[in-house]
PDB file of N, CA and C in Angstrom:
ATOM      1  N   MET A   1       0.910  -1.485   0.144  1.00  0.00           N
ATOM      2  CA  MET A   1       0.279   0.096  -0.076  1.00  0.00           C
ATOM      3  C   MET A   1       0.616   0.891   0.238  1.00  0.00           C
ATOM      4  N   LEU A   2       0.363   2.260  -0.955  1.00  0.00           N
ATOM      5  CA  LEU A   2       1.367   3.815  -1.054  1.00  0.00           C
ATOM      6  C   LEU A   2       0.774   4.227   0.655  1.00  0.00           C
ATOM      7  N   ASN A   3       1.967   5.027   0.947  1.00  0.00           N
ATOM      8  CA  ASN A   3       2.596   5.606   2.208  1.00  0.00           C
ATOM      9  C   ASN A   3       2.774   7.229   1.825  1.00  0.00           C
ATOM     10  N   ILE A   4       1.530   7.975   1.631  1.00  0.00           N
ATOM     11  CA  ILE A   4       1.825   9.084   1.240  1.00  0.00           C
ATOM     12  C   ILE A   4       3.635  10.168   1.274  1.00  0.00           C
ATOM     13  N   ALA A   5       3.658   9.491   2.760  1.00  0.00           N
ATOM     14  CA  ALA A   5       3.734  10.912   2.866  1.00  0.00           C
ATOM     15  C   ALA A   5       5.741  10.343   3.131  1.00  0.00           C
ATOM     16  N   GLU A   6       6.074   8.506   2.853  1.00  0.00           N
ATOM     17  CA  GLU A   6       6.988   8.235   2.562  1.00  0.00           C
ATOM     18  C   GLU A   6       7.639   7.737   1.531  1.00  0.00           C
ATOM     19  N   ASP A   7       6.326   7.604   0.181  1.00  0.00           N
ATOM     20  CA  ASP A   7       6.654   6.890  -0.887  1.00  0.00           C
ATOM     21  C   ASP A   7       6.432   8.083  -1.969  1.00  0.00           C
ATOM     22  N   ILE A   8       6.709   9.458  -2.087  1.00  0.00           N
ATOM     23  CA  ILE A   8       7.026  10.165  -3.242  1.00  0.00           C
ATOM     24  C   ILE A   8       7.639  11.139  -2.584  1.00  0.00           C
ATOM     25  N   CYS A   9       8.279  10.752  -4.752  1.00  0.00           N
ATOM     26  CA  CYS A   9       9.816  11.704  -4.155  1.00  0.00           C
ATOM     27  C   CYS A   9       9.960  12.415  -5.449  1.00  0.00           C
ATOM     28  N   SER A  10      10.595  13.713  -5.885  1.00  0.00           N
ATOM     29  CA  SER A  10      10.554  14.269  -6.414  1.00  0.00           C
ATOM     30  C   SER A  10      11.669  13.549  -7.374  1.00  0.00           C
ATOM     31  N   MET A  11      11.663  13.994  -8.753  1.00  0.00           N
ATOM     32  CA  MET A  11      12.499  13.007 -10.111  1.00  0.00           C
ATOM     33  C   MET A  11      14.221  13.280  -9.284  1.00  0.00           C
ATOM     34  N   THR A  12      13.963  15.010  -9.174  1.00  0.00           N
ATOM     35  CA  THR A  12      15.792  15.904  -8.695  1.00  0.00           C
ATOM     36  C   THR A  12      15.626  15.043  -7.488  1.00  0.00           C
ATOM     37  N   ASN A  13      15.293  15.009  -6.327  1.00  0.00           N
ATOM     38  CA  ASN A  13      15.522  14.558  -5.654  1.00  0.00           C
ATOM     39  C   ASN A  13      16.010  13.053  -5.464  1.00  0.00           C
ATOM     40  N   PHE A  14      15.097  12.167  -6.386  1.00  0.00           N
ATOM     41  CA  PHE A  14      15.864  10.327  -6.481  1.00  0.00           C
ATOM     42  C   PHE A  14      17.207  10.945  -7.204  1.00  0.00           C
ATOM     43  N   LYS A  15      17.138  11.322  -8.368  1.00  0.00           N
ATOM     44  CA  LYS A  15      18.057  11.693  -8.674  1.00  0.00           C
ATOM     45  C   LYS A  15      20.041  12.062  -7.395  1.00  0.00           C
ATOM     46  N   ARG A  16      19.509  12.784  -6.802  1.00  0.00           N
ATOM     47  CA  ARG A  16      20.637  12.759  -6.158  1.00  0.00           C
ATOM     48  C   ARG A  16      20.608  12.040  -5.268  1.00  0.00           C
ATOM     49  N   ARG A  17      19.545  10.847  -4.743  1.00  0.00           N
ATOM     50  CA  ARG A  17      19.666  10.215  -3.771  1.00  0.00           C
ATOM     51  C   ARG A  17      18.809   8.762  -4.380  1.00  0.00           C
ATOM     52  N   THR A  18      19.454   7.689  -5.392  1.00  0.00           N
ATOM     53  CA  THR A  18      18.929   6.783  -5.630  1.00  0.00           C
ATOM     54  C   THR A  18      19.110   5.417  -5.160  1.00  0.00           C
ATOM     55  N   SER A  19      20.067   5.241  -4.583  1.00  0.00           N
ATOM     56  CA  SER A  19      21.111   4.563  -3.922  1.00  0.00           C
ATOM     57  C   SER A  19      20.035   4.104  -2.844  1.00  0.00           C
ATOM     58  N   GLU A  20      19.241   5.256  -1.967  1.00  0.00           N
ATOM     59  CA  GLU A  20      19.360   5.599  -0.535  1.00  0.00           C
ATOM     60  C   GLU A  20      17.795   4.938  -0.604  1.00  0.00           C
ATOM     61  N   VAL A  21      17.253   5.638  -2.210  1.00  0.00           N
ATOM     62  CA  VAL A  21      15.646   5.674  -2.081  1.00  0.00           C
ATOM     63  C   VAL A  21      15.065   3.872  -3.256  1.00  0.00           C
ATOM     64  N   VAL A  22      16.675   3.076  -3.161  1.00  0.00           N
ATOM     65  CA  VAL A  22      16.389   2.233  -3.604  1.00  0.00           C
ATOM     66  C   VAL A  22      16.695   1.096  -2.784  1.00  0.00           C
ATOM     67  N   ARG A  23      17.547   1.102  -1.478  1.00  0.00           N
ATOM     68  CA  ARG A  23      17.463   0.405  -0.387  1.00  0.00           C
ATOM     69  C   ARG A  23      16.188   0.574   0.427  1.00  0.00           C
ATOM     70  N   ARG A  24      15.376   1.877   0.266  1.00  0.00           N
ATOM     71  CA  ARG A  24      14.374   1.681   0.926  1.00  0.00           C
ATOM     72  C   ARG A  24      13.039   0.911   0.179  1.00  0.00           C
ATOM     73  N   LEU A  25      13.149   0.693  -1.341  1.00  0.00           N
ATOM     74  CA  LEU A  25      12.436  -0.179  -1.868  1.00  0.00           C
ATOM     75  C   LEU A  25      12.497  -1.664  -1.639  1.00  0.00           C
ATOM     76  N   ARG A  26      13.943  -1.930  -1.922  1.00  0.00           N
ATOM     77  CA  ARG A  26      13.544  -2.950  -1.457  1.00  0.00           C
ATOM     78  C   ARG A  26      13.092  -3.500   0.146  1.00  0.00           C
ATOM     79  N   ARG A  27      13.539  -3.035   0.935  1.00  0.00           N
ATOM     80  CA  ARG A  27      13.413  -3.094   2.218  1.00  0.00           C
ATOM     81  C   ARG A  27      12.023  -2.181   2.909  1.00  0.00           C
ATOM     82  N   THR A  28      10.889  -2.278   2.122  1.00  0.00           N
ATOM     83  CA  THR A  28       9.677  -2.255   2.503  1.00  0.00           C
ATOM     84  C   THR A  28       8.951  -2.624   1.556  1.00  0.00           C
ATOM     85  N   GLY A  29       9.121  -2.802   0.335  1.00  0.00           N
ATOM     86  CA  GLY A  29       8.432  -3.727  -0.698  1.00  0.00           C
ATOM     87  C   GLY A  29       7.976  -3.024  -1.194  1.00  0.00           C
ATOM     88  N   ARG A  30       7.605  -1.469  -1.612  1.00  0.00           N
ATOM     89  CA  ARG A  30       6.697  -0.980  -1.321  1.00  0.00           C
ATOM     90  C   ARG A  30       7.104   0.199  -2.686  1.00  0.00           C
ATOM     91  N   ALA A  31       6.125   0.301  -3.824  1.00  0.00           N
ATOM     92  CA  ALA A  31       6.308   1.038  -4.147  1.00  0.00           C
ATOM     93  C   ALA A  31       6.957   2.968  -4.196  1.00  0.00           C
ATOM     94  N   VAL A  32       6.984   3.203  -5.376  1.00  0.00           N
ATOM     95  CA  VAL A  32       7.712   4.988  -5.274  1.00  0.00           C
ATOM     96  C   VAL A  32       7.393   5.948  -6.131  1.00  0.00           C
ATOM     97  N   VAL A  33       6.460   6.538  -6.170  1.00  0.00           N
ATOM     98  CA  VAL A  33       5.703   7.476  -7.564  1.00  0.00           C
ATOM     99  C   VAL A  33       7.390   8.582  -7.129  1.00  0.00           C
ATOM    100  N   LEU A  34       7.311   8.485  -8.319  1.00  0.00           N
ATOM    101  CA  LEU A  34       8.487   9.929  -8.884  1.00  0.00           C
ATOM    102  C   LEU A  34       7.700  11.108  -9.556  1.00  0.00           C
ATOM    103  N   THR A  35       8.002  12.289  -8.809  1.00  0.00           N
ATOM    104  CA  THR A  35       7.431  13.189  -9.462  1.00  0.00           C
ATOM    105  C   THR A  35       8.325  14.378 -10.565  1.00  0.00           C
ATOM    106  N   THR A  36       7.157  15.212 -10.991  1.00  0.00           N
ATOM    107  CA  THR A  36       7.528  15.791 -12.520  1.00  0.00           C
ATOM    108  C   THR A  36       7.209  17.237 -12.148  1.00  0.00           C
ATOM    109  N   ASN A  37       7.805  18.123 -11.570  1.00  0.00           N
ATOM    110  CA  ASN A  37       7.065  19.132 -11.489  1.00  0.00           C
ATOM    111  C   ASN A  37       5.352  19.444 -11.053  1.00  0.00           C
ATOM    112  N   GLY A  38       5.658  18.763  -9.894  1.00  0.00           N
ATOM    113  CA  GLY A  38       4.631  17.896  -8.499  1.00  0.00           C
ATOM    114  C   GLY A  38       3.984  17.572  -8.898  1.00  0.00           C
ATOM    115  N   LYS A  39       3.936  17.007 -10.053  1.00  0.00           N
ATOM    116  CA  LYS A  39       3.035  15.769 -10.445  1.00  0.00           C
ATOM    117  C   LYS A  39       3.351  14.503 -10.583  1.00  0.00           C
ATOM    118  N   ALA A  40       2.594  13.129 -10.840  1.00  0.00           N
ATOM    119  CA  ALA A  40       3.189  12.490 -10.784  1.00  0.00           C
ATOM    120  C   ALA A  40       3.665  11.562 -11.833  1.00  0.00           C
ATOM    121  N   ASP A  41       4.987  11.303 -12.085  1.00  0.00           N
ATOM    122  CA  ASP A  41       5.565  11.109 -13.594  1.00  0.00           C
ATOM    123  C   ASP A  41       5.897   9.488 -13.529  1.00  0.00           C
ATOM    124  N   VAL A  42       6.217   8.785 -12.492  1.00  0.00           N
ATOM    125  CA  VAL A  42       6.847   7.338 -12.844  1.00  0.00           C
ATOM    126  C   VAL A  42       6.823   6.494 -11.530  1.00  0.00           C
ATOM    127  N   VAL A  43       6.192   5.466 -11.366  1.00  0.00           N
ATOM    128  CA  VAL A  43       6.502   4.613 -10.387  1.00  0.00           C
ATOM    129  C   VAL A  43       7.562   3.216 -10.440  1.00  0.00           C
ATOM    130  N   VAL A  44       8.240   3.282  -9.399  1.00  0.00           N
ATOM    131  CA  VAL A  44       9.362   2.762  -9.172  1.00  0.00           C
ATOM    132  C   VAL A  44       9.393   1.921  -8.439  1.00  0.00           C
ATOM    133  N   GLN A  45       9.855   0.772  -8.624  1.00  0.00           N
ATOM    134  CA  GLN A  45       8.878  -0.764  -7.150  1.00  0.00           C
ATOM    135  C   GLN A  45      11.008  -1.559  -8.227  1.00  0.00           C
ATOM    136  N   ASP A  46      10.920  -2.262  -6.474  1.00  0.00           N
ATOM    137  CA  ASP A  46      11.759  -3.178  -6.553  1.00  0.00           C
ATOM    138  C   ASP A  46      11.566  -4.671  -7.462  1.00  0.00           C
ATOM    139  N   ALA A  47      12.255  -5.542  -8.064  1.00  0.00           N
ATOM    140  CA  ALA A  47      11.775  -6.570  -8.559  1.00  0.00           C
ATOM    141  C   ALA A  47      10.680  -7.602  -8.327  1.00  0.00           C
ATOM    142  N   VAL A  48      11.297  -7.549  -6.820  1.00  0.00           N
ATOM    143  CA  VAL A  48      10.448  -9.258  -5.900  1.00  0.00           C
ATOM    144  C   VAL A  48       9.415  -8.532  -6.349  1.00  0.00           C
ATOM    145  N   SER A  49       9.177  -7.035  -6.102  1.00  0.00           N
ATOM    146  CA  SER A  49       7.470  -6.921  -5.154  1.00  0.00           C
ATOM    147  C   SER A  49       7.129  -7.237  -6.468  1.00  0.00           C
ATOM    148  N   TYR A  50       7.770  -6.692  -7.598  1.00  0.00           N
ATOM    149  CA  TYR A  50       6.909  -6.021  -9.285  1.00  0.00           C
ATOM    150  C   TYR A  50       6.530  -8.055  -9.817  1.00  0.00           C
ATOM    151  N   GLN A  51       7.219  -9.073  -8.876  1.00  0.00           N
ATOM    152  CA  GLN A  51       7.081 -10.226  -9.694  1.00  0.00           C
ATOM    153  C   GLN A  51       5.955 -10.614  -8.801  1.00  0.00           C
ATOM    154  N   LYS A  52       5.986 -10.195  -7.098  1.00  0.00           N
ATOM    155  CA  LYS A  52       4.436 -10.970  -6.422  1.00  0.00           C
ATOM    156  C   LYS A  52       3.583 -10.267  -7.500  1.00  0.00           C
ATOM    157  N   LEU A  53       3.679  -8.797  -8.138  1.00  0.00           N
ATOM    158  CA  LEU A  53       2.459  -7.706  -8.272  1.00  0.00           C
ATOM    159  C   LEU A  53       2.175  -9.025  -9.331  1.00  0.00           C
ATOM    160  N   LEU A  54       2.641  -9.275 -10.222  1.00  0.00           N
ATOM    161  CA  LEU A  54       2.269  -9.902 -11.163  1.00  0.00           C
ATOM    162  C   LEU A  54       1.699 -11.923 -11.444  1.00  0.00           C
ATOM    163  N   ASP A  55       1.542 -11.901 -10.151  1.00  0.00           N
ATOM    164  CA  ASP A  55       1.795 -12.728  -9.860  1.00  0.00           C
ATOM    165  C   ASP A  55       0.699 -12.822  -9.059  1.00  0.00           C
ATOM    166  N   ARG A  56      -0.280 -12.195  -8.780  1.00  0.00           N
ATOM    167  CA  ARG A  56      -1.014 -11.692  -8.321  1.00  0.00           C
ATOM    168  C   ARG A  56      -2.242 -11.710  -9.494  1.00  0.00           C
ATOM    169  N   LEU A  57      -1.627 -10.723  -9.558  1.00  0.00           N
ATOM    170  CA  LEU A  57      -2.240 -10.519 -10.952  1.00  0.00           C
ATOM    171  C   LEU A  57      -2.836 -11.555 -11.696  1.00  0.00           C
ATOM    172  N   GLN A  58      -2.145 -12.561 -12.584  1.00  0.00           N
ATOM    173  CA  GLN A  58      -2.521 -13.483 -13.078  1.00  0.00           C
ATOM    174  C   GLN A  58      -3.308 -15.061 -11.933  1.00  0.00           C
ATOM    175  N   VAL A  59      -3.585 -14.931 -10.887  1.00  0.00           N
ATOM    176  CA  VAL A  59      -4.302 -14.965 -10.393  1.00  0.00           C
ATOM    177  C   VAL A  59      -5.779 -15.184 -10.167  1.00  0.00           C
ATOM    178  N   TYR A  60      -5.414 -13.673 -10.029  1.00  0.00           N
ATOM    179  CA  TYR A  60      -6.923 -12.939 -10.680  1.00  0.00           C
ATOM    180  C   TYR A  60      -7.587 -13.390 -11.344  1.00  0.00           C
ATOM    181  N   GLU A  61      -6.849 -13.359 -13.165  1.00  0.00           N
ATOM    182  CA  GLU A  61      -7.192 -12.955 -13.845  1.00  0.00           C
ATOM    183  C   GLU A  61      -7.503 -14.767 -14.387  1.00  0.00           C
ATOM    184  N   ASN A  62      -6.959 -16.055 -13.942  1.00  0.00           N
ATOM    185  CA  ASN A  62      -7.015 -17.030 -14.221  1.00  0.00           C
ATOM    186  C   ASN A  62      -8.535 -17.699 -12.997  1.00  0.00           C
ATOM    187  N   ARG A  63      -8.539 -16.747 -12.295  1.00  0.00           N
ATOM    188  CA  ARG A  63     -10.046 -17.285 -10.989  1.00  0.00           C
ATOM    189  C   ARG A  63     -10.997 -16.453 -11.741  1.00  0.00           C
ATOM    190  N   LYS A  64     -11.171 -15.322 -12.433  1.00  0.00           N
ATOM    191  CA  LYS A  64     -11.797 -14.609 -13.234  1.00  0.00           C
ATOM    192  C   LYS A  64     -12.294 -15.896 -14.206  1.00  0.00           C
ATOM    193  N   GLY A  65     -11.513 -15.647 -15.286  1.00  0.00           N
ATOM    194  CA  GLY A  65     -11.310 -16.443 -16.563  1.00  0.00           C
ATOM    195  C   GLY A  65     -12.284 -17.281 -16.725  1.00  0.00           C
ATOM    196  N   ALA A  66     -11.993 -17.890 -15.083  1.00  0.00           N
ATOM    197  CA  ALA A  66     -12.787 -19.568 -14.318  1.00  0.00           C
ATOM    198  C   ALA A  66     -14.368 -19.352 -14.142  1.00  0.00           C
ATOM    199  N   ILE A  67     -14.645 -17.937 -13.452  1.00  0.00           N
ATOM    200  CA  ILE A  67     -15.706 -17.690 -13.171  1.00  0.00           C
ATOM    201  C   ILE A  67     -16.769 -16.966 -14.149  1.00  0.00           C
ATOM    202  N   GLU A  68     -16.037 -16.257 -14.817  1.00  0.00           N
ATOM    203  CA  GLU A  68     -16.649 -15.746 -16.571  1.00  0.00           C
ATOM    204  C   GLU A  68     -17.261 -17.138 -16.817  1.00  0.00           C
ATOM    205  N   SER A  69     -16.161 -18.438 -17.301  1.00  0.00           N
ATOM    206  CA  SER A  69     -16.476 -19.456 -18.324  1.00  0.00           C
ATOM    207  C   SER A  69     -17.825 -20.469 -17.792  1.00  0.00           C
ATOM    208  N   GLU A  70     -18.048 -20.364 -16.128  1.00  0.00           N
ATOM    209  CA  GLU A  70     -19.055 -21.128 -15.535  1.00  0.00           C
ATOM    210  C   GLU A  70     -20.281 -20.288 -15.790  1.00  0.00           C
ATOM    211  N   ALA A  71     -20.066 -19.060 -15.784  1.00  0.00           N
ATOM    212  CA  ALA A  71     -20.942 -18.497 -15.933  1.00  0.00           C
ATOM    213  C   ALA A  71     -21.418 -18.351 -17.523  1.00  0.00           C
ATOM    214  N   GLY A  72     -20.847 -18.618 -18.199  1.00  0.00           N
ATOM    215  CA  GLY A  72     -21.297 -18.789 -19.867  1.00  0.00           C
ATOM    216  C   GLY A  72     -21.379 -16.941 -20.722  1.00  0.00           C
ATOM    217  N   LEU A  73     -20.200 -16.135 -19.612  1.00  0.00           N
ATOM    218  CA  LEU A  73     -19.552 -14.935 -20.330  1.00  0.00           C
ATOM    219  C   LEU A  73     -18.990 -14.921 -21.233  1.00  0.00           C
ATOM    220  N   PRO A  74     -18.954 -14.566 -22.636  1.00  0.00           N
ATOM    221  CA  PRO A  74     -18.051 -13.604 -23.102  1.00  0.00           C
ATOM    222  C   PRO A  74     -16.335 -13.619 -22.802  1.00  0.00           C
ATOM    223  N   ASP A  75     -16.070 -14.409 -23.609  1.00  0.00           N
ATOM    224  CA  ASP A  75     -14.133 -14.284 -22.866  1.00  0.00           C
ATOM    225  C   ASP A  75     -13.996 -12.833 -23.443  1.00  0.00           C
ATOM    226  N   ASP A  76     -13.113 -12.031 -22.758  1.00  0.00           N
ATOM    227  CA  ASP A  76     -12.437 -10.656 -23.106  1.00  0.00           C
ATOM    228  C   ASP A  76     -11.352 -10.351 -24.104  1.00  0.00           C
ATOM    229  N   SER A  77     -10.664 -12.094 -24.286  1.00  0.00           N
ATOM    230  CA  SER A  77      -9.513 -11.568 -25.049  1.00  0.00           C
ATOM    231  C   SER A  77     -10.297 -11.871 -26.553  1.00  0.00           C
ATOM    232  N   ILE A  78     -11.537 -12.260 -26.625  1.00  0.00           N
ATOM    233  CA  ILE A  78     -11.921 -12.063 -27.720  1.00  0.00           C
ATOM    234  C   ILE A  78     -11.714 -10.499 -28.396  1.00  0.00           C
ATOM    235  N   VAL A  79     -11.431 -10.612 -29.454  1.00  0.00           N
ATOM    236  CA  VAL A  79     -12.244  -9.184 -30.090  1.00  0.00           C
ATOM    237  C   VAL A  79     -13.059  -9.442 -31.303  1.00  0.00           C
TER     238      VAL A  79
END
């Protein structure tokens, strides 16, 4: 979950303190939102947390597909 007090960082500050931010990413497993001119621009996340996110998304999509299939709903992947 995003912690607004800790997980938002300006692009300039990220460039100055990259190793510190990367250590925090690895330690907390939380993504950091990088801002440019005060607006959200990029999200940075450590590889382990990103892989967990992808795995959870895959499980969700598999369950959703199974539920839709059982209900006779059309497959979203068909164009």
